[in-house]
Protein backbone atom coordinates (compact mmCIF):
# COMPACT_ATOMS: atom_id res chain seq x y z
CA UNK A 1 42.55 5.80 9.55
CA UNK A 2 39.60 5.34 7.13
CA UNK A 3 36.03 6.15 8.55
CA UNK A 4 33.98 2.99 9.39
CA UNK A 5 31.34 2.25 6.73
CA UNK A 6 27.86 3.14 7.74
CA UNK A 7 25.85 1.71 5.31
CA UNK A 8 24.10 3.21 1.96
CA UNK A 9 22.68 6.63 2.07
CA UNK A 10 18.77 6.84 1.92
CA UNK A 11 17.47 7.16 -1.69
CA UNK A 12 14.59 9.37 -0.32
CA UNK A 13 15.02 12.56 1.60
CA UNK A 14 13.00 13.13 4.83
CA UNK A 15 11.09 15.80 2.90
CA UNK A 16 9.90 13.06 0.29
CA UNK A 17 8.89 10.66 3.00
CA UNK A 18 6.89 13.34 4.58
CA UNK A 19 5.25 13.89 1.14
CA UNK A 20 4.49 10.22 0.88
CA UNK A 21 2.97 10.08 4.35
CA UNK A 22 0.56 13.31 3.53
CA UNK A 23 -0.42 11.95 0.27
CA UNK A 24 -1.44 8.48 1.68
CA UNK A 25 -3.26 10.47 4.37
CA UNK A 26 -5.25 12.52 2.05
CA UNK A 27 -5.77 9.61 -0.60
CA UNK A 28 -6.02 6.42 1.56
CA UNK A 29 -6.96 4.20 -1.50
CA UNK A 30 -3.90 5.16 -3.83
CA UNK A 31 -2.03 2.50 -5.45
CA UNK A 32 1.71 1.96 -5.45
CA UNK A 33 2.01 2.90 -8.85
CA UNK A 34 0.07 6.03 -8.71
CA UNK A 35 2.01 7.24 -5.60
CA UNK A 36 5.25 6.44 -7.80
CA UNK A 37 3.77 8.29 -10.92
CA UNK A 38 2.23 11.29 -8.68
CA UNK A 39 5.28 12.07 -6.66
CA UNK A 40 7.92 11.06 -9.37
CA UNK A 41 9.70 8.67 -6.85
CA UNK A 42 12.95 7.24 -8.19
CA UNK A 43 12.25 3.70 -6.59
CA UNK A 44 10.46 0.67 -7.70
CA UNK A 45 7.06 -0.77 -6.71
CA UNK A 46 8.42 -3.50 -4.43
CA UNK A 47 10.78 -1.13 -2.90
CA UNK A 48 7.89 1.46 -1.98
CA UNK A 49 5.78 -1.37 -0.42
CA UNK A 50 8.75 -2.22 1.84
CA UNK A 51 9.22 1.33 2.75
CA UNK A 52 5.67 1.90 3.47
CA UNK A 53 5.73 -1.12 5.81
CA UNK A 54 8.54 0.41 7.69
CA UNK A 55 6.75 3.63 7.95
CA UNK A 56 3.85 1.96 9.73
CA UNK A 57 1.40 1.69 6.73
CA UNK A 58 -0.68 -1.56 6.29
CA UNK A 59 -2.43 -2.78 3.19
CA UNK A 60 -5.75 -3.63 3.00
CA UNK A 61 -7.62 -5.36 0.10
CA UNK A 62 -11.22 -5.73 -0.04
CA UNK A 63 -11.56 -9.52 -1.01
CA UNK A 64 -15.39 -9.87 0.38
CA UNK A 65 -18.31 -7.75 0.26
CA UNK A 66 -21.01 -7.35 2.97
CA UNK A 67 -24.56 -8.30 2.07
CA UNK A 68 -26.71 -5.25 3.01
CA UNK A 69 -28.31 -5.59 6.44
CA UNK A 70 -26.75 -8.94 7.14
CA UNK A 71 -23.49 -10.07 9.36
CA UNK A 72 -22.75 -12.96 6.40
CA UNK A 73 -20.07 -12.36 4.06
CA UNK A 74 -20.19 -13.20 0.32
CA UNK A 75 -17.49 -13.57 -2.17
CA UNK A 76 -17.60 -12.02 -5.57
CA UNK A 77 -19.29 -13.87 -8.06
CA UNK A 78 -17.67 -16.93 -9.06
CA UNK A 79 -17.63 -18.30 -12.89
CA UNK A 80 -20.96 -19.90 -12.82
CA UNK A 81 -22.61 -16.55 -11.83
CA UNK A 82 -23.51 -17.63 -8.33
CA UNK A 83 -22.00 -16.14 -4.83
CA UNK A 84 -20.38 -18.57 -2.52
CA UNK A 85 -20.92 -18.04 1.25
CA UNK A 86 -17.98 -17.59 3.50
CA UNK A 87 -18.49 -18.46 7.25
């Protein structure tokens, strides 16, 4: 009797996953490309992105910058050189 199919074997070992977690904790602003290159991971950027979500990591992009000593948020400069106020 053949053994039942249990799915694809994981591409990354548990020790590699631990290394990814450690690297992200030490360098929280590392990019996906840098992570792949620094750890020589055999996966694509999109695969790593999905893996990190499964591991519980979230992505934060800094789209707005705060004006100093103010609660208002301002966008980066737009093409005419002026800043737009965001509510």
